[in-house]
Amino acid sequence: MKIIKRTESPFRQAPGGMVLVATRVAGQPAQFPPIEFTHDDQPVEVVELGPIGSLYSFTIVHPGKEKQPYGLAMVDFEPGVRAFGRLLYDAEPPAIGARLRVVPFALPDGTPDYAFQE
């Protein structure tokens, strides 16, 4: 039996906007981040999440005097998948239940990533 490592990005641009990429293995619920390792004979379905989800929960991290606070969020998507990521906001964070869009975001080292924004 051969083990296969997934190398595709967990997010991508789609016609309606940026989406997260979840996976589902036969009979199991979809999960994000996607499954990283599978058996070569294991059928894996790719499931797009987004581009819009609903804010389930968030926190604001205050890393210290020298750095700006930033948000982290849990966002619910159809088909019942909850994803974690950076929360972008202006003066005030969004309310629980707010509709958030998956948007491009760059990590401090320039690596492409995703975030959530109202």
PDB file of N, CA and C in Angstrom:
ATOM      1  N   MET A   1       0.846  -1.167   0.000  1.00  0.00           N
ATOM      2  CA  MET A   1       0.000   0.000   0.000  1.00  0.00           C
ATOM      3  C   MET A   1       0.897   1.237   0.000  1.00  0.00           C
ATOM      4  N   LYS A   2       0.589   2.172  -0.865  1.00  0.00           N
ATOM      5  CA  LYS A   2       1.374   3.379  -1.010  1.00  0.00           C
ATOM      6  C   LYS A   2       0.676   4.545  -0.301  1.00  0.00           C
ATOM      7  N   ILE A   3       1.463   5.356   0.413  1.00  0.00           N
ATOM      8  CA  ILE A   3       0.942   6.557   1.071  1.00  0.00           C
ATOM      9  C   ILE A   3       1.221   7.754   0.160  1.00  0.00           C
ATOM     10  N   ILE A   4       0.196   8.596  -0.044  1.00  0.00           N
ATOM     11  CA  ILE A   4       0.332   9.761  -0.906  1.00  0.00           C
ATOM     12  C   ILE A   4       0.194  11.019  -0.054  1.00  0.00           C
ATOM     13  N   LYS A   5       1.125  11.974  -0.234  1.00  0.00           N
ATOM     14  CA  LYS A   5       1.075  13.250   0.485  1.00  0.00           C
ATOM     15  C   LYS A   5       0.403  14.291  -0.400  1.00  0.00           C
ATOM     16  N   ARG A   6      -0.571  14.950   0.154  1.00  0.00           N
ATOM     17  CA  ARG A   6      -1.268  16.016  -0.560  1.00  0.00           C
ATOM     18  C   ARG A   6      -0.351  17.236  -0.619  1.00  0.00           C
ATOM     19  N   THR A   7      -0.194  17.826  -1.794  1.00  0.00           N
ATOM     20  CA  THR A   7       0.699  18.973  -1.950  1.00  0.00           C
ATOM     21  C   THR A   7      -0.030  20.240  -2.399  1.00  0.00           C
ATOM     22  N   GLU A   8      -1.319  20.129  -2.720  1.00  0.00           N
ATOM     23  CA  GLU A   8      -2.077  21.294  -3.165  1.00  0.00           C
ATOM     24  C   GLU A   8      -2.325  22.257  -2.000  1.00  0.00           C
ATOM     25  N   SER A   9      -2.487  23.511  -2.342  1.00  0.00           N
ATOM     26  CA  SER A   9      -2.759  24.554  -1.354  1.00  0.00           C
ATOM     27  C   SER A   9      -4.144  24.350  -0.730  1.00  0.00           C
ATOM     28  N   PRO A  10      -4.318  24.720   0.548  1.00  0.00           N
ATOM     29  CA  PRO A  10      -5.636  24.600   1.179  1.00  0.00           C
ATOM     30  C   PRO A  10      -6.569  25.776   0.863  1.00  0.00           C
ATOM     31  N   PHE A  11      -6.180  26.643  -0.076  1.00  0.00           N
ATOM     32  CA  PHE A  11      -7.029  27.751  -0.519  1.00  0.00           C
ATOM     33  C   PHE A  11      -6.707  28.046  -1.976  1.00  0.00           C
ATOM     34  N   ARG A  12      -7.695  28.630  -2.675  1.00  0.00           N
ATOM     35  CA  ARG A  12      -7.494  28.974  -4.085  1.00  0.00           C
ATOM     36  C   ARG A  12      -8.553  29.975  -4.537  1.00  0.00           C
ATOM     37  N   GLN A  13      -8.268  30.609  -5.671  1.00  0.00           N
ATOM     38  CA  GLN A  13      -9.239  31.517  -6.273  1.00  0.00           C
ATOM     39  C   GLN A  13     -10.248  30.698  -7.067  1.00  0.00           C
ATOM     40  N   ALA A  14     -11.510  31.047  -6.941  1.00  0.00           N
ATOM     41  CA  ALA A  14     -12.587  30.409  -7.694  1.00  0.00           C
ATOM     42  C   ALA A  14     -13.357  31.537  -8.389  1.00  0.00           C
ATOM     43  N   PRO A  15     -14.236  31.210  -9.323  1.00  0.00           N
ATOM     44  CA  PRO A  15     -14.985  32.264 -10.020  1.00  0.00           C
ATOM     45  C   PRO A  15     -15.724  33.230  -9.078  1.00  0.00           C
ATOM     46  N   GLY A  16     -16.241  32.748  -7.949  1.00  0.00           N
ATOM     47  CA  GLY A  16     -16.987  33.608  -7.028  1.00  0.00           C
ATOM     48  C   GLY A  16     -16.132  34.296  -5.977  1.00  0.00           C
ATOM     49  N   GLY A  17     -14.833  34.018  -5.957  1.00  0.00           N
ATOM     50  CA  GLY A  17     -13.932  34.584  -4.955  1.00  0.00           C
ATOM     51  C   GLY A  17     -13.027  33.506  -4.393  1.00  0.00           C
ATOM     52  N   MET A  18     -12.255  33.849  -3.389  1.00  0.00           N
ATOM     53  CA  MET A  18     -11.326  32.906  -2.783  1.00  0.00           C
ATOM     54  C   MET A  18     -12.099  31.874  -1.955  1.00  0.00           C
ATOM     55  N   VAL A  19     -11.683  30.610  -2.038  1.00  0.00           N
ATOM     56  CA  VAL A  19     -12.309  29.534  -1.278  1.00  0.00           C
ATOM     57  C   VAL A  19     -11.253  28.734  -0.533  1.00  0.00           C
ATOM     58  N   LEU A  20     -11.677  28.080   0.535  1.00  0.00           N
ATOM     59  CA  LEU A  20     -10.835  27.125   1.230  1.00  0.00           C
ATOM     60  C   LEU A  20     -11.103  25.756   0.629  1.00  0.00           C
ATOM     61  N   VAL A  21     -10.113  24.871   0.682  1.00  0.00           N
ATOM     62  CA  VAL A  21     -10.244  23.548   0.096  1.00  0.00           C
ATOM     63  C   VAL A  21     -10.236  22.511   1.216  1.00  0.00           C
ATOM     64  N   ALA A  22     -11.383  21.894   1.436  1.00  0.00           N
ATOM     65  CA  ALA A  22     -11.517  20.821   2.422  1.00  0.00           C
ATOM     66  C   ALA A  22     -11.502  19.488   1.683  1.00  0.00           C
ATOM     67  N   THR A  23     -11.412  18.409   2.428  1.00  0.00           N
ATOM     68  CA  THR A  23     -11.477  17.076   1.826  1.00  0.00           C
ATOM     69  C   THR A  23     -12.449  16.212   2.612  1.00  0.00           C
ATOM     70  N   ARG A  24     -12.970  15.203   1.916  1.00  0.00           N
ATOM     71  CA  ARG A  24     -13.885  14.236   2.528  1.00  0.00           C
ATOM     72  C   ARG A  24     -13.465  12.852   2.064  1.00  0.00           C
ATOM     73  N   VAL A  25     -13.333  11.938   3.014  1.00  0.00           N
ATOM     74  CA  VAL A  25     -13.009  10.547   2.716  1.00  0.00           C
ATOM     75  C   VAL A  25     -14.274   9.733   2.894  1.00  0.00           C
ATOM     76  N   ALA A  26     -14.524   8.825   1.992  1.00  0.00           N
ATOM     77  CA  ALA A  26     -15.701   7.951   1.954  1.00  0.00           C
ATOM     78  C   ALA A  26     -16.462   7.846   3.266  1.00  0.00           C
ATOM     79  N   GLY A  27     -17.666   8.424   3.274  1.00  0.00           N
ATOM     80  CA  GLY A  27     -18.555   8.293   4.416  1.00  0.00           C
ATOM     81  C   GLY A  27     -18.243   9.185   5.607  1.00  0.00           C
ATOM     82  N   GLN A  28     -17.175   9.945   5.562  1.00  0.00           N
ATOM     83  CA  GLN A  28     -16.794  10.820   6.672  1.00  0.00           C
ATOM     84  C   GLN A  28     -17.198  12.259   6.350  1.00  0.00           C
ATOM     85  N   PRO A  29     -17.368  13.104   7.381  1.00  0.00           N
ATOM     86  CA  PRO A  29     -17.663  14.509   7.095  1.00  0.00           C
ATOM     87  C   PRO A  29     -16.438  15.204   6.487  1.00  0.00           C
ATOM     88  N   ALA A  30     -16.687  16.290   5.773  1.00  0.00           N
ATOM     89  CA  ALA A  30     -15.585  17.072   5.208  1.00  0.00           C
ATOM     90  C   ALA A  30     -14.781  17.683   6.343  1.00  0.00           C
ATOM     91  N   GLN A  31     -13.479  17.902   6.078  1.00  0.00           N
ATOM     92  CA  GLN A  31     -12.632  18.496   7.112  1.00  0.00           C
ATOM     93  C   GLN A  31     -11.675  19.517   6.506  1.00  0.00           C
ATOM     94  N   PHE A  32     -11.392  20.554   7.312  1.00  0.00           N
ATOM     95  CA  PHE A  32     -10.419  21.568   6.951  1.00  0.00           C
ATOM     96  C   PHE A  32      -9.534  21.807   8.166  1.00  0.00           C
ATOM     97  N   PRO A  33      -8.225  21.868   7.993  1.00  0.00           N
ATOM     98  CA  PRO A  33      -7.492  21.763   6.743  1.00  0.00           C
ATOM     99  C   PRO A  33      -7.665  20.393   6.110  1.00  0.00           C
ATOM    100  N   PRO A  34      -7.376  20.294   4.810  1.00  0.00           N
ATOM    101  CA  PRO A  34      -7.594  19.032   4.111  1.00  0.00           C
ATOM    102  C   PRO A  34      -6.683  17.926   4.626  1.00  0.00           C
ATOM    103  N   ILE A  35      -7.102  16.703   4.376  1.00  0.00           N
ATOM    104  CA  ILE A  35      -6.313  15.535   4.757  1.00  0.00           C
ATOM    105  C   ILE A  35      -4.951  15.634   4.082  1.00  0.00           C
ATOM    106  N   GLU A  36      -3.870  15.438   4.848  1.00  0.00           N
ATOM    107  CA  GLU A  36      -2.527  15.586   4.288  1.00  0.00           C
ATOM    108  C   GLU A  36      -2.001  14.294   3.661  1.00  0.00           C
ATOM    109  N   PHE A  37      -2.291  13.148   4.275  1.00  0.00           N
ATOM    110  CA  PHE A  37      -1.795  11.861   3.766  1.00  0.00           C
ATOM    111  C   PHE A  37      -2.963  10.907   3.530  1.00  0.00           C
ATOM    112  N   THR A  38      -2.936  10.206   2.402  1.00  0.00           N
ATOM    113  CA  THR A  38      -3.957   9.197   2.096  1.00  0.00           C
ATOM    114  C   THR A  38      -3.286   7.960   1.515  1.00  0.00           C
ATOM    115  N   HIS A  39      -4.026   6.858   1.525  1.00  0.00           N
ATOM    116  CA  HIS A  39      -3.574   5.655   0.831  1.00  0.00           C
ATOM    117  C   HIS A  39      -3.896   5.822  -0.643  1.00  0.00           C
ATOM    118  N   ASP A  40      -3.100   5.206  -1.516  1.00  0.00           N
ATOM    119  CA  ASP A  40      -3.291   5.394  -2.955  1.00  0.00           C
ATOM    120  C   ASP A  40      -4.641   4.899  -3.454  1.00  0.00           C
ATOM    121  N   ASP A  41      -5.281   3.973  -2.732  1.00  0.00           N
ATOM    122  CA  ASP A  41      -6.577   3.455  -3.168  1.00  0.00           C
ATOM    123  C   ASP A  41      -7.750   4.106  -2.424  1.00  0.00           C
ATOM    124  N   GLN A  42      -7.468   5.121  -1.596  1.00  0.00           N
ATOM    125  CA  GLN A  42      -8.496   5.769  -0.795  1.00  0.00           C
ATOM    126  C   GLN A  42      -9.116   6.930  -1.582  1.00  0.00           C
ATOM    127  N   PRO A  43     -10.419   6.850  -1.907  1.00  0.00           N
ATOM    128  CA  PRO A  43     -11.041   7.953  -2.637  1.00  0.00           C
ATOM    129  C   PRO A  43     -11.197   9.189  -1.740  1.00  0.00           C
ATOM    130  N   VAL A  44     -10.705  10.317  -2.225  1.00  0.00           N
ATOM    131  CA  VAL A  44     -10.785  11.573  -1.482  1.00  0.00           C
ATOM    132  C   VAL A  44     -11.516  12.593  -2.348  1.00  0.00           C
ATOM    133  N   GLU A  45     -12.581  13.166  -1.789  1.00  0.00           N
ATOM    134  CA  GLU A  45     -13.355  14.179  -2.499  1.00  0.00           C
ATOM    135  C   GLU A  45     -12.899  15.564  -2.032  1.00  0.00           C
ATOM    136  N   VAL A  46     -12.674  16.464  -2.970  1.00  0.00           N
ATOM    137  CA  VAL A  46     -12.326  17.845  -2.650  1.00  0.00           C
ATOM    138  C   VAL A  46     -13.625  18.640  -2.505  1.00  0.00           C
ATOM    139  N   VAL A  47     -13.725  19.424  -1.427  1.00  0.00           N
ATOM    140  CA  VAL A  47     -14.918  20.207  -1.143  1.00  0.00           C
ATOM    141  C   VAL A  47     -14.504  21.669  -0.973  1.00  0.00           C
ATOM    142  N   GLU A  48     -15.061  22.565  -1.793  1.00  0.00           N
ATOM    143  CA  GLU A  48     -14.762  23.989  -1.661  1.00  0.00           C
ATOM    144  C   GLU A  48     -15.628  24.608  -0.570  1.00  0.00           C
ATOM    145  N   LEU A  49     -15.002  25.419   0.289  1.00  0.00           N
ATOM    146  CA  LEU A  49     -15.689  26.140   1.357  1.00  0.00           C
ATOM    147  C   LEU A  49     -15.640  27.623   1.040  1.00  0.00           C
ATOM    148  N   GLY A  50     -16.791  28.255   1.000  1.00  0.00           N
ATOM    149  CA  GLY A  50     -16.806  29.692   0.764  1.00  0.00           C
ATOM    150  C   GLY A  50     -17.306  30.026  -0.607  1.00  0.00           C
ATOM    151  N   PRO A  51     -17.139  31.231  -1.011  1.00  0.00           N
ATOM    152  CA  PRO A  51     -16.254  32.238  -0.442  1.00  0.00           C
ATOM    153  C   PRO A  51     -16.805  32.956   0.789  1.00  0.00           C
ATOM    154  N   ILE A  52     -18.064  32.671   1.186  1.00  0.00           N
ATOM    155  CA  ILE A  52     -18.665  33.345   2.349  1.00  0.00           C
ATOM    156  C   ILE A  52     -18.970  32.325   3.441  1.00  0.00           C
ATOM    157  N   GLY A  53     -18.661  32.708   4.682  1.00  0.00           N
ATOM    158  CA  GLY A  53     -18.976  31.881   5.839  1.00  0.00           C
ATOM    159  C   GLY A  53     -19.574  32.752   6.935  1.00  0.00           C
ATOM    160  N   SER A  54     -19.910  32.140   8.056  1.00  0.00           N
ATOM    161  CA  SER A  54     -20.545  32.830   9.174  1.00  0.00           C
ATOM    162  C   SER A  54     -19.624  32.787  10.400  1.00  0.00           C
ATOM    163  N   LEU A  55     -19.372  33.944  11.001  1.00  0.00           N
ATOM    164  CA  LEU A  55     -18.480  34.032  12.151  1.00  0.00           C
ATOM    165  C   LEU A  55     -19.065  33.276  13.344  1.00  0.00           C
ATOM    166  N   TYR A  56     -18.361  32.250  13.800  1.00  0.00           N
ATOM    167  CA  TYR A  56     -18.780  31.449  14.945  1.00  0.00           C
ATOM    168  C   TYR A  56     -18.204  32.023  16.245  1.00  0.00           C
ATOM    169  N   SER A  57     -16.905  32.360  16.212  1.00  0.00           N
ATOM    170  CA  SER A  57     -16.224  32.867  17.397  1.00  0.00           C
ATOM    171  C   SER A  57     -14.954  33.594  16.965  1.00  0.00           C
ATOM    172  N   PHE A  58     -14.442  34.469  17.834  1.00  0.00           N
ATOM    173  CA  PHE A  58     -13.177  35.128  17.530  1.00  0.00           C
ATOM    174  C   PHE A  58     -12.497  35.557  18.819  1.00  0.00           C
ATOM    175  N   THR A  59     -11.233  35.886  18.713  1.00  0.00           N
ATOM    176  CA  THR A  59     -10.482  36.473  19.812  1.00  0.00           C
ATOM    177  C   THR A  59      -9.541  37.509  19.230  1.00  0.00           C
ATOM    178  N   ILE A  60      -9.191  38.490  20.053  1.00  0.00           N
ATOM    179  CA  ILE A  60      -8.207  39.489  19.663  1.00  0.00           C
ATOM    180  C   ILE A  60      -6.950  39.209  20.478  1.00  0.00           C
ATOM    181  N   VAL A  61      -5.842  39.013  19.797  1.00  0.00           N
ATOM    182  CA  VAL A  61      -4.560  38.721  20.436  1.00  0.00           C
ATOM    183  C   VAL A  61      -3.796  40.034  20.604  1.00  0.00           C
ATOM    184  N   HIS A  62      -3.316  40.281  21.816  1.00  0.00           N
ATOM    185  CA  HIS A  62      -2.509  41.470  22.119  1.00  0.00           C
ATOM    186  C   HIS A  62      -1.085  40.999  22.415  1.00  0.00           C
ATOM    187  N   PRO A  63      -0.201  40.970  21.392  1.00  0.00           N
ATOM    188  CA  PRO A  63       1.125  40.370  21.551  1.00  0.00           C
ATOM    189  C   PRO A  63       2.127  41.202  22.350  1.00  0.00           C
ATOM    190  N   GLY A  64       1.824  42.429  22.701  1.00  0.00           N
ATOM    191  CA  GLY A  64       2.749  43.245  23.496  1.00  0.00           C
ATOM    192  C   GLY A  64       2.809  44.670  22.996  1.00  0.00           C
ATOM    193  N   LYS A  65       3.589  45.496  23.689  1.00  0.00           N
ATOM    194  CA  LYS A  65       3.659  46.920  23.374  1.00  0.00           C
ATOM    195  C   LYS A  65       4.198  47.207  21.977  1.00  0.00           C
ATOM    196  N   GLU A  66       5.103  46.415  21.506  1.00  0.00           N
ATOM    197  CA  GLU A  66       5.780  46.676  20.234  1.00  0.00           C
ATOM    198  C   GLU A  66       5.006  46.198  19.008  1.00  0.00           C
ATOM    199  N   LYS A  67       3.965  45.385  19.202  1.00  0.00           N
ATOM    200  CA  LYS A  67       3.233  44.810  18.070  1.00  0.00           C
ATOM    201  C   LYS A  67       1.759  45.158  18.142  1.00  0.00           C
ATOM    202  N   GLN A  68       1.140  45.239  16.968  1.00  0.00           N
ATOM    203  CA  GLN A  68      -0.285  45.541  16.873  1.00  0.00           C
ATOM    204  C   GLN A  68      -1.132  44.322  17.227  1.00  0.00           C
ATOM    205  N   PRO A  69      -2.302  44.531  17.858  1.00  0.00           N
ATOM    206  CA  PRO A  69      -3.220  43.416  18.098  1.00  0.00           C
ATOM    207  C   PRO A  69      -3.723  42.858  16.759  1.00  0.00           C
ATOM    208  N   TYR A  70      -4.114  41.601  16.769  1.00  0.00           N
ATOM    209  CA  TYR A  70      -4.684  40.974  15.569  1.00  0.00           C
ATOM    210  C   TYR A  70      -5.767  39.992  15.984  1.00  0.00           C
ATOM    211  N   GLY A  71      -6.657  39.690  15.037  1.00  0.00           N
ATOM    212  CA  GLY A  71      -7.776  38.806  15.326  1.00  0.00           C
ATOM    213  C   GLY A  71      -7.590  37.413  14.768  1.00  0.00           C
ATOM    214  N   LEU A  72      -8.168  36.446  15.459  1.00  0.00           N
ATOM    215  CA  LEU A  72      -8.250  35.056  15.006  1.00  0.00           C
ATOM    216  C   LEU A  72      -9.714  34.654  15.085  1.00  0.00           C
ATOM    217  N   ALA A  73     -10.174  33.875  14.113  1.00  0.00           N
ATOM    218  CA  ALA A  73     -11.595  33.550  14.053  1.00  0.00           C
ATOM    219  C   ALA A  73     -11.849  32.095  13.711  1.00  0.00           C
ATOM    220  N   MET A  74     -13.016  31.626  14.149  1.00  0.00           N
ATOM    221  CA  MET A  74     -13.571  30.344  13.727  1.00  0.00           C
ATOM    222  C   MET A  74     -14.789  30.704  12.878  1.00  0.00           C
ATOM    223  N   VAL A  75     -14.820  30.202  11.640  1.00  0.00           N
ATOM    224  CA  VAL A  75     -15.875  30.549  10.693  1.00  0.00           C
ATOM    225  C   VAL A  75     -16.556  29.277  10.204  1.00  0.00           C
ATOM    226  N   ASP A  76     -17.878  29.276  10.224  1.00  0.00           N
ATOM    227  CA  ASP A  76     -18.660  28.127   9.762  1.00  0.00           C
ATOM    228  C   ASP A  76     -18.976  28.248   8.278  1.00  0.00           C
ATOM    229  N   PHE A  77     -18.798  27.127   7.557  1.00  0.00           N
ATOM    230  CA  PHE A  77     -19.099  27.046   6.133  1.00  0.00           C
ATOM    231  C   PHE A  77     -20.006  25.857   5.881  1.00  0.00           C
ATOM    232  N   GLU A  78     -20.773  25.949   4.793  1.00  0.00           N
ATOM    233  CA  GLU A  78     -21.506  24.782   4.318  1.00  0.00           C
ATOM    234  C   GLU A  78     -20.471  23.888   3.671  1.00  0.00           C
ATOM    235  N   PRO A  79     -20.437  22.645   3.874  1.00  0.00           N
ATOM    236  CA  PRO A  79     -21.409  21.713   4.450  1.00  0.00           C
ATOM    237  C   PRO A  79     -21.099  21.334   5.896  1.00  0.00           C
ATOM    238  N   GLY A  80     -21.154  22.282   6.808  1.00  0.00           N
ATOM    239  CA  GLY A  80     -20.940  21.978   8.224  1.00  0.00           C
ATOM    240  C   GLY A  80     -19.480  21.883   8.623  1.00  0.00           C
ATOM    241  N   VAL A  81     -18.619  22.668   7.999  1.00  0.00           N
ATOM    242  CA  VAL A  81     -17.189  22.661   8.331  1.00  0.00           C
ATOM    243  C   VAL A  81     -16.841  23.993   8.987  1.00  0.00           C
ATOM    244  N   ARG A  82     -16.078  23.929  10.063  1.00  0.00           N
ATOM    245  CA  ARG A  82     -15.623  25.132  10.768  1.00  0.00           C
ATOM    246  C   ARG A  82     -14.127  25.287  10.501  1.00  0.00           C
ATOM    247  N   ALA A  83     -13.719  26.491  10.074  1.00  0.00           N
ATOM    248  CA  ALA A  83     -12.316  26.751   9.746  1.00  0.00           C
ATOM    249  C   ALA A  83     -11.762  27.847  10.651  1.00  0.00           C
ATOM    250  N   PHE A  84     -10.476  27.771  10.910  1.00  0.00           N
ATOM    251  CA  PHE A  84      -9.756  28.714  11.774  1.00  0.00           C
ATOM    252  C   PHE A  84      -8.835  29.562  10.912  1.00  0.00           C
ATOM    253  N   GLY A  85      -8.712  30.846  11.219  1.00  0.00           N
ATOM    254  CA  GLY A  85      -7.785  31.689  10.478  1.00  0.00           C
ATOM    255  C   GLY A  85      -7.735  33.099  11.015  1.00  0.00           C
ATOM    256  N   ARG A  86      -6.922  33.904  10.371  1.00  0.00           N
ATOM    257  CA  ARG A  86      -6.749  35.304  10.733  1.00  0.00           C
ATOM    258  C   ARG A  86      -8.029  36.077  10.448  1.00  0.00           C
ATOM    259  N   LEU A  87      -8.397  36.994  11.347  1.00  0.00           N
ATOM    260  CA  LEU A  87      -9.575  37.847  11.179  1.00  0.00           C
ATOM    261  C   LEU A  87      -9.093  39.269  10.909  1.00  0.00           C
ATOM    262  N   LEU A  88      -9.453  39.806   9.749  1.00  0.00           N
ATOM    263  CA  LEU A  88      -9.102  41.181   9.403  1.00  0.00           C
ATOM    264  C   LEU A  88     -10.298  42.074   9.700  1.00  0.00           C
ATOM    265  N   TYR A  89     -10.048  43.203  10.357  1.00  0.00           N
ATOM    266  CA  TYR A  89     -11.127  44.133  10.679  1.00  0.00           C
ATOM    267  C   TYR A  89     -10.535  45.537  10.803  1.00  0.00           C
ATOM    268  N   ASP A  90     -11.397  46.549  10.739  1.00  0.00           N
ATOM    269  CA  ASP A  90     -10.934  47.936  10.864  1.00  0.00           C
ATOM    270  C   ASP A  90     -10.952  48.342  12.337  1.00  0.00           C
ATOM    271  N   ALA A  91     -11.840  49.200  12.733  1.00  0.00           N
ATOM    272  CA  ALA A  91     -11.865  49.701  14.107  1.00  0.00           C
ATOM    273  C   ALA A  91     -12.439  48.685  15.092  1.00  0.00           C
ATOM    274  N   GLU A  92     -13.521  48.021  14.699  1.00  0.00           N
ATOM    275  CA  GLU A  92     -14.195  47.068  15.584  1.00  0.00           C
ATOM    276  C   GLU A  92     -14.328  45.723  14.884  1.00  0.00           C
ATOM    277  N   PRO A  93     -14.100  44.614  15.618  1.00  0.00           N
ATOM    278  CA  PRO A  93     -14.315  43.312  15.001  1.00  0.00           C
ATOM    279  C   PRO A  93     -15.793  43.091  14.702  1.00  0.00           C
ATOM    280  N   PRO A  94     -16.107  42.213  13.750  1.00  0.00           N
ATOM    281  CA  PRO A  94     -17.512  41.955  13.404  1.00  0.00           C
ATOM    282  C   PRO A  94     -18.237  41.214  14.523  1.00  0.00           C
ATOM    283  N   ALA A  95     -19.555  41.238  14.480  1.00  0.00           N
ATOM    284  CA  ALA A  95     -20.390  40.552  15.470  1.00  0.00           C
ATOM    285  C   ALA A  95     -20.462  39.063  15.152  1.00  0.00           C
ATOM    286  N   ILE A  96     -20.676  38.262  16.182  1.00  0.00           N
ATOM    287  CA  ILE A  96     -20.882  36.827  15.990  1.00  0.00           C
ATOM    288  C   ILE A  96     -22.057  36.647  15.020  1.00  0.00           C
ATOM    289  N   GLY A  97     -21.901  35.764  14.067  1.00  0.00           N
ATOM    290  CA  GLY A  97     -22.928  35.523  13.066  1.00  0.00           C
ATOM    291  C   GLY A  97     -22.736  36.342  11.800  1.00  0.00           C
ATOM    292  N   ALA A  98     -21.822  37.308  11.835  1.00  0.00           N
ATOM    293  CA  ALA A  98     -21.572  38.138  10.646  1.00  0.00           C
ATOM    294  C   ALA A  98     -21.098  37.270   9.483  1.00  0.00           C
ATOM    295  N   ARG A  99     -21.445  37.694   8.278  1.00  0.00           N
ATOM    296  CA  ARG A  99     -21.020  36.998   7.070  1.00  0.00           C
ATOM    297  C   ARG A  99     -19.614  37.481   6.721  1.00  0.00           C
ATOM    298  N   LEU A 100     -18.664  36.548   6.657  1.00  0.00           N
ATOM    299  CA  LEU A 100     -17.273  36.880   6.351  1.00  0.00           C
ATOM    300  C   LEU A 100     -16.860  36.242   5.039  1.00  0.00           C
ATOM    301  N   ARG A 101     -15.991  36.936   4.331  1.00  0.00           N
ATOM    302  CA  ARG A 101     -15.456  36.474   3.051  1.00  0.00           C
ATOM    303  C   ARG A 101     -14.040  35.953   3.267  1.00  0.00           C
ATOM    304  N   VAL A 102     -13.674  34.904   2.541  1.00  0.00           N
ATOM    305  CA  VAL A 102     -12.293  34.420   2.525  1.00  0.00           C
ATOM    306  C   VAL A 102     -11.523  35.359   1.600  1.00  0.00           C
ATOM    307  N   VAL A 103     -10.411  35.923   2.092  1.00  0.00           N
ATOM    308  CA  VAL A 103      -9.629  36.877   1.307  1.00  0.00           C
ATOM    309  C   VAL A 103      -8.151  36.485   1.324  1.00  0.00           C
ATOM    310  N   PRO A 104      -7.390  36.927   0.311  1.00  0.00           N
ATOM    311  CA  PRO A 104      -5.944  36.677   0.315  1.00  0.00           C
ATOM    312  C   PRO A 104      -5.284  37.442   1.460  1.00  0.00           C
ATOM    313  N   PHE A 105      -4.225  36.864   1.996  1.00  0.00           N
ATOM    314  CA  PHE A 105      -3.471  37.457   3.105  1.00  0.00           C
ATOM    315  C   PHE A 105      -2.036  36.980   2.981  1.00  0.00           C
ATOM    316  N   ALA A 106      -1.082  37.827   3.278  1.00  0.00           N
ATOM    317  CA  ALA A 106       0.334  37.420   3.237  1.00  0.00           C
ATOM    318  C   ALA A 106       0.872  37.364   4.666  1.00  0.00           C
ATOM    319  N   LEU A 107       1.555  36.279   4.989  1.00  0.00           N
ATOM    320  CA  LEU A 107       2.202  36.158   6.289  1.00  0.00           C
ATOM    321  C   LEU A 107       3.370  37.138   6.352  1.00  0.00           C
ATOM    322  N   PRO A 108       3.908  37.420   7.545  1.00  0.00           N
ATOM    323  CA  PRO A 108       5.008  38.386   7.653  1.00  0.00           C
ATOM    324  C   PRO A 108       6.206  38.086   6.734  1.00  0.00           C
ATOM    325  N   ASP A 109       6.442  36.812   6.444  1.00  0.00           N
ATOM    326  CA  ASP A 109       7.571  36.472   5.564  1.00  0.00           C
ATOM    327  C   ASP A 109       7.189  36.506   4.082  1.00  0.00           C
ATOM    328  N   GLY A 110       5.943  36.923   3.783  1.00  0.00           N
ATOM    329  CA  GLY A 110       5.496  37.024   2.396  1.00  0.00           C
ATOM    330  C   GLY A 110       4.796  35.793   1.858  1.00  0.00           C
ATOM    331  N   THR A 111       4.729  34.726   2.637  1.00  0.00           N
ATOM    332  CA  THR A 111       4.062  33.503   2.199  1.00  0.00           C
ATOM    333  C   THR A 111       2.570  33.771   2.006  1.00  0.00           C
ATOM    334  N   PRO A 112       2.006  33.376   0.855  1.00  0.00           N
ATOM    335  CA  PRO A 112       0.564  33.571   0.638  1.00  0.00           C
ATOM    336  C   PRO A 112      -0.258  32.738   1.629  1.00  0.00           C
ATOM    337  N   ASP A 113      -1.337  33.317   2.109  1.00  0.00           N
ATOM    338  CA  ASP A 113      -2.227  32.631   3.038  1.00  0.00           C
ATOM    339  C   ASP A 113      -3.638  33.188   2.810  1.00  0.00           C
ATOM    340  N   TYR A 114      -4.554  32.867   3.708  1.00  0.00           N
ATOM    341  CA  TYR A 114      -5.929  33.355   3.622  1.00  0.00           C
ATOM    342  C   TYR A 114      -6.277  34.025   4.942  1.00  0.00           C
ATOM    343  N   ALA A 115      -7.338  34.809   4.931  1.00  0.00           N
ATOM    344  CA  ALA A 115      -7.879  35.415   6.138  1.00  0.00           C
ATOM    345  C   ALA A 115      -9.378  35.573   5.933  1.00  0.00           C
ATOM    346  N   PHE A 116     -10.051  36.041   6.983  1.00  0.00           N
ATOM    347  CA  PHE A 116     -11.495  36.287   6.917  1.00  0.00           C
ATOM    348  C   PHE A 116     -11.746  37.777   7.122  1.00  0.00           C
ATOM    349  N   GLN A 117     -12.664  38.333   6.335  1.00  0.00           N
ATOM    350  CA  GLN A 117     -12.965  39.756   6.430  1.00  0.00           C
ATOM    351  C   GLN A 117     -14.435  40.002   6.100  1.00  0.00           C
ATOM    352  N   GLU A 118     -15.036  40.954   6.823  1.00  0.00           N
ATOM    353  CA  GLU A 118     -16.441  41.283   6.597  1.00  0.00           C
ATOM    354  C   GLU A 118     -16.632  41.990   5.271  1.00  0.00           C
TER     355      GLU A 118
END
